[in-house]
Protein backbone atom coordinates (compact mmCIF):
# COMPACT_ATOMS: atom_id res chain seq x y z
CA UNK A 1 71.79 67.28 -143.78
CA UNK A 2 75.25 67.18 -141.72
CA UNK A 3 75.48 63.52 -139.35
CA UNK A 4 75.26 64.81 -135.96
CA UNK A 5 79.34 64.99 -134.52
CA UNK A 6 79.89 63.33 -131.75
CA UNK A 7 79.12 65.22 -128.47
CA UNK A 8 81.59 64.32 -124.92
CA UNK A 9 79.37 63.25 -122.48
CA UNK A 10 79.36 64.57 -119.05
CA UNK A 11 80.68 62.49 -116.66
CA UNK A 12 77.59 61.01 -114.71
CA UNK A 13 76.97 58.38 -111.81
CA UNK A 14 73.96 57.06 -111.18
CA UNK A 15 73.05 54.03 -108.44
CA UNK A 16 70.71 51.15 -110.04
CA UNK A 17 71.05 48.79 -107.06
CA UNK A 18 72.22 48.54 -103.30
CA UNK A 19 73.02 45.17 -101.70
CA UNK A 20 74.05 42.79 -98.86
CA UNK A 21 76.26 40.18 -99.22
CA UNK A 22 77.50 39.94 -96.12
CA UNK A 23 80.20 40.62 -94.62
CA UNK A 24 80.13 44.01 -97.48
CA UNK A 25 77.76 45.79 -99.12
CA UNK A 26 77.76 46.42 -102.58
CA UNK A 27 76.31 48.99 -105.33
CA UNK A 28 75.59 48.72 -108.81
CA UNK A 29 76.42 51.96 -110.97
CA UNK A 30 75.68 53.12 -114.13
CA UNK A 31 78.43 55.38 -115.41
CA UNK A 32 80.19 56.94 -117.62
CA UNK A 33 83.44 59.16 -118.57
CA UNK A 34 85.18 61.14 -121.07
CA UNK A 35 88.26 59.54 -122.56
CA UNK A 36 91.44 60.82 -120.89
CA UNK A 37 89.31 61.05 -117.37
CA UNK A 38 92.55 60.23 -114.39
CA UNK A 39 89.96 59.49 -111.89
CA UNK A 40 88.62 56.64 -109.57
CA UNK A 41 85.53 55.72 -108.99
CA UNK A 42 84.51 55.72 -105.48
CA UNK A 43 81.01 54.74 -102.79
CA UNK A 44 80.38 55.45 -99.59
CA UNK A 45 77.65 53.86 -97.19
CA UNK A 46 76.36 55.55 -94.01
CA UNK A 47 73.85 53.93 -91.81
CA UNK A 48 71.60 56.12 -90.73
CA UNK A 49 69.37 53.51 -88.17
CA UNK A 50 72.68 53.11 -85.40
CA UNK A 51 70.41 54.24 -82.62
CA UNK A 52 73.85 55.66 -81.41
CA UNK A 53 77.14 57.89 -81.79
CA UNK A 54 78.59 55.63 -83.68
CA UNK A 55 79.23 56.13 -87.54
CA UNK A 56 78.06 52.73 -89.49
CA UNK A 57 80.15 53.19 -92.40
CA UNK A 58 81.65 51.29 -95.63
CA UNK A 59 84.11 51.82 -98.66
CA UNK A 60 85.11 50.80 -102.22
CA UNK A 61 86.93 51.77 -105.31
CA UNK A 62 86.54 51.09 -108.65
CA UNK A 63 90.34 51.77 -109.72
CA UNK A 64 90.65 53.92 -112.66
CA UNK A 65 91.88 50.75 -114.67
CA UNK A 66 88.78 48.93 -114.67
CA UNK A 67 86.72 51.94 -115.62
CA UNK A 68 85.49 52.07 -119.24
CA UNK A 69 85.90 56.20 -120.19
CA UNK A 70 84.31 55.96 -123.71
CA UNK A 71 81.33 58.85 -123.61
CA UNK A 72 78.92 55.77 -123.46
CA UNK A 73 77.26 54.32 -120.45
CA UNK A 74 78.62 50.98 -118.68
CA UNK A 75 77.90 49.30 -115.11
CA UNK A 76 79.71 48.24 -112.09
CA UNK A 77 79.67 46.72 -109.16
CA UNK A 78 81.82 48.65 -105.92
CA UNK A 79 82.13 46.78 -103.14
CA UNK A 80 82.43 48.16 -100.45
CA UNK A 81 83.84 46.79 -96.94
CA UNK A 82 82.97 47.58 -93.45
CA UNK A 83 85.64 49.47 -91.85
CA UNK A 84 86.62 48.04 -88.49
CA UNK A 85 83.50 47.81 -86.31
CA UNK A 86 81.12 48.24 -88.17
CA UNK A 87 79.04 46.50 -89.82
CA UNK A 88 75.18 45.22 -91.90
CA UNK A 89 72.46 43.39 -91.80
CA UNK A 90 69.23 43.33 -93.66
CA UNK A 91 66.61 45.74 -93.51
CA UNK A 92 69.91 48.52 -92.56
CA UNK A 93 68.68 51.78 -93.62
CA UNK A 94 71.75 53.22 -95.32
CA UNK A 95 72.79 56.65 -97.23
CA UNK A 96 75.29 55.70 -100.36
CA UNK A 97 77.33 58.20 -101.58
CA UNK A 98 79.42 57.75 -104.84
CA UNK A 99 81.66 59.92 -107.02
CA UNK A 100 84.76 60.13 -108.70
CA UNK A 101 87.93 60.96 -107.53
CA UNK A 102 91.00 62.06 -108.99
CA UNK A 103 94.77 62.35 -108.70
CA UNK A 104 94.40 66.10 -107.66
CA UNK A 105 92.29 64.92 -104.70
CA UNK A 106 89.63 66.54 -106.51
CA UNK A 107 85.47 65.23 -106.15
CA UNK A 108 82.65 65.08 -108.51
CA UNK A 109 80.46 63.99 -109.77
CA UNK A 110 78.16 63.01 -106.86
CA UNK A 111 74.88 60.60 -106.96
CA UNK A 112 73.24 59.51 -102.67
CA UNK A 113 70.48 57.83 -102.93
CA UNK A 114 68.92 55.90 -99.61
CA UNK A 115 68.35 52.40 -99.08
CA UNK A 116 66.94 49.69 -97.22
CA UNK A 117 69.18 46.47 -97.27
């Protein structure tokens, strides 16, 4: 019987944990990506319990040279900085989205989670 051939994995993202590290929000992400892909890993957070019309958001990026793309699963921490005028405290409810973003402006492999800090 022949040995199974190596197959490329889909470019997958999983949100493992969302936490507060004042003033930043951090998200722990398990990811896999195929070798040769030219993209960044992006994380966005939006506070859901603002009680106002103002959006409270944060964003962060893991640059392409910091990602290990060898079809295996890896873990990274994304530090998201709050937008000007935004702040987060323990107990806030957030919607967090992670995705890949390529040089042509396309985003893919979106993963969403709702978490309480």
